[in-house]
């Protein structure tokens, strides 16, 4: 899902719809993100302002063996 959403955000039509629908994004508990989630937020930040609330990435929930980014 994360990879598909990240790829979709590379499409200009999708970017237009997202930009017309939202003013920005807040991501709370960002420290719990995996690398895939981080990559999705990075892609989204090219379309919308993203505000991050967190400690260093930890990915404490291991749902799919996603490694957190190194500190």
C-alpha atoms as a PDB file:
ATOM      1  CA  UNK A   1       0.000   0.000   0.000  1.00  0.00           C
ATOM      2  CA  UNK A   2       2.739   2.467   0.943  1.00  0.00           C
ATOM      3  CA  UNK A   3       4.725   1.799  -2.212  1.00  0.00           C
ATOM      4  CA  UNK A   4       1.611   2.123  -4.398  1.00  0.00           C
ATOM      5  CA  UNK A   5       0.616   5.420  -2.785  1.00  0.00           C
ATOM      6  CA  UNK A   6       4.161   6.736  -3.213  1.00  0.00           C
ATOM      7  CA  UNK A   7       4.130   5.835  -6.910  1.00  0.00           C
ATOM      8  CA  UNK A   8       0.665   7.372  -7.350  1.00  0.00           C
ATOM      9  CA  UNK A   9       1.946  10.642  -5.870  1.00  0.00           C
ATOM     10  CA  UNK A  10       4.447  10.855  -8.727  1.00  0.00           C
ATOM     11  CA  UNK A  11       1.521  11.335 -11.160  1.00  0.00           C
ATOM     12  CA  UNK A  12       0.708  14.996 -11.938  1.00  0.00           C
ATOM     13  CA  UNK A  13      -3.063  14.356 -11.982  1.00  0.00           C
ATOM     14  CA  UNK A  14      -2.940  12.716  -8.546  1.00  0.00           C
ATOM     15  CA  UNK A  15      -0.772  15.562  -7.240  1.00  0.00           C
ATOM     16  CA  UNK A  16      -3.369  18.078  -8.459  1.00  0.00           C
ATOM     17  CA  UNK A  17      -6.229  16.272  -6.724  1.00  0.00           C
ATOM     18  CA  UNK A  18      -4.280  15.923  -3.465  1.00  0.00           C
ATOM     19  CA  UNK A  19      -3.174  19.584  -3.537  1.00  0.00           C
ATOM     20  CA  UNK A  20      -6.763  20.726  -4.236  1.00  0.00           C
ATOM     21  CA  UNK A  21      -8.121  18.548  -1.413  1.00  0.00           C
ATOM     22  CA  UNK A  22      -5.693  19.286   1.423  1.00  0.00           C
ATOM     23  CA  UNK A  23      -3.762  22.290   2.739  1.00  0.00           C
ATOM     24  CA  UNK A  24      -1.086  20.215   4.475  1.00  0.00           C
ATOM     25  CA  UNK A  25      -0.318  17.146   6.533  1.00  0.00           C
ATOM     26  CA  UNK A  26       0.530  16.627  10.199  1.00  0.00           C
ATOM     27  CA  UNK A  27       2.299  13.383  11.081  1.00  0.00           C
ATOM     28  CA  UNK A  28       2.244  12.578  14.798  1.00  0.00           C
ATOM     29  CA  UNK A  29       4.309   9.792  16.351  1.00  0.00           C
ATOM     30  CA  UNK A  30       6.612   9.934  13.327  1.00  0.00           C
ATOM     31  CA  UNK A  31       9.267   8.049  15.279  1.00  0.00           C
ATOM     32  CA  UNK A  32       7.164   4.906  14.827  1.00  0.00           C
ATOM     33  CA  UNK A  33       7.377   5.081  11.012  1.00  0.00           C
ATOM     34  CA  UNK A  34       9.095   2.433   8.953  1.00  0.00           C
ATOM     35  CA  UNK A  35      11.304   3.252   5.971  1.00  0.00           C
ATOM     36  CA  UNK A  36       8.368   2.680   3.581  1.00  0.00           C
ATOM     37  CA  UNK A  37       6.185   5.074   5.550  1.00  0.00           C
ATOM     38  CA  UNK A  38       9.016   7.611   5.638  1.00  0.00           C
ATOM     39  CA  UNK A  39       9.424   7.303   1.856  1.00  0.00           C
ATOM     40  CA  UNK A  40       5.695   7.944   1.389  1.00  0.00           C
ATOM     41  CA  UNK A  41       5.792  11.051   3.593  1.00  0.00           C
ATOM     42  CA  UNK A  42       8.871  12.251   1.706  1.00  0.00           C
ATOM     43  CA  UNK A  43       6.994  11.919  -1.595  1.00  0.00           C
ATOM     44  CA  UNK A  44       3.927  13.629  -0.128  1.00  0.00           C
ATOM     45  CA  UNK A  45       6.084  16.531   1.077  1.00  0.00           C
ATOM     46  CA  UNK A  46       6.716  17.401  -2.561  1.00  0.00           C
ATOM     47  CA  UNK A  47       2.976  18.033  -2.970  1.00  0.00           C
ATOM     48  CA  UNK A  48       1.886  19.407   0.418  1.00  0.00           C
ATOM     49  CA  UNK A  49       3.548  21.041   3.408  1.00  0.00           C
ATOM     50  CA  UNK A  50       4.271  18.289   5.957  1.00  0.00           C
ATOM     51  CA  UNK A  51       4.694  18.941   9.655  1.00  0.00           C
ATOM     52  CA  UNK A  52       6.366  16.209  11.660  1.00  0.00           C
ATOM     53  CA  UNK A  53       6.037  15.588  15.412  1.00  0.00           C
ATOM     54  CA  UNK A  54       8.459  12.967  16.670  1.00  0.00           C
ATOM     55  CA  UNK A  55      11.547  11.571  18.246  1.00  0.00           C
ATOM     56  CA  UNK A  56      14.126   9.782  16.026  1.00  0.00           C
ATOM     57  CA  UNK A  57      12.618   6.998  13.901  1.00  0.00           C
ATOM     58  CA  UNK A  58      12.196   3.745  15.813  1.00  0.00           C
ATOM     59  CA  UNK A  59       9.597   1.683  13.892  1.00  0.00           C
ATOM     60  CA  UNK A  60       8.559   0.012  17.142  1.00  0.00           C
ATOM     61  CA  UNK A  61       5.633  -1.788  15.485  1.00  0.00           C
ATOM     62  CA  UNK A  62       7.080  -4.577  13.328  1.00  0.00           C
ATOM     63  CA  UNK A  63       4.094  -5.458  11.144  1.00  0.00           C
ATOM     64  CA  UNK A  64       6.069  -6.331   7.998  1.00  0.00           C
ATOM     65  CA  UNK A  65       9.755  -6.440   8.952  1.00  0.00           C
ATOM     66  CA  UNK A  66      10.199  -2.799   7.877  1.00  0.00           C
ATOM     67  CA  UNK A  67      13.417  -1.389   9.210  1.00  0.00           C
ATOM     68  CA  UNK A  68      13.478   2.119  10.669  1.00  0.00           C
ATOM     69  CA  UNK A  69      15.886   4.600   9.173  1.00  0.00           C
ATOM     70  CA  UNK A  70      19.233   4.835  10.960  1.00  0.00           C
ATOM     71  CA  UNK A  71      19.507   7.692  13.462  1.00  0.00           C
END
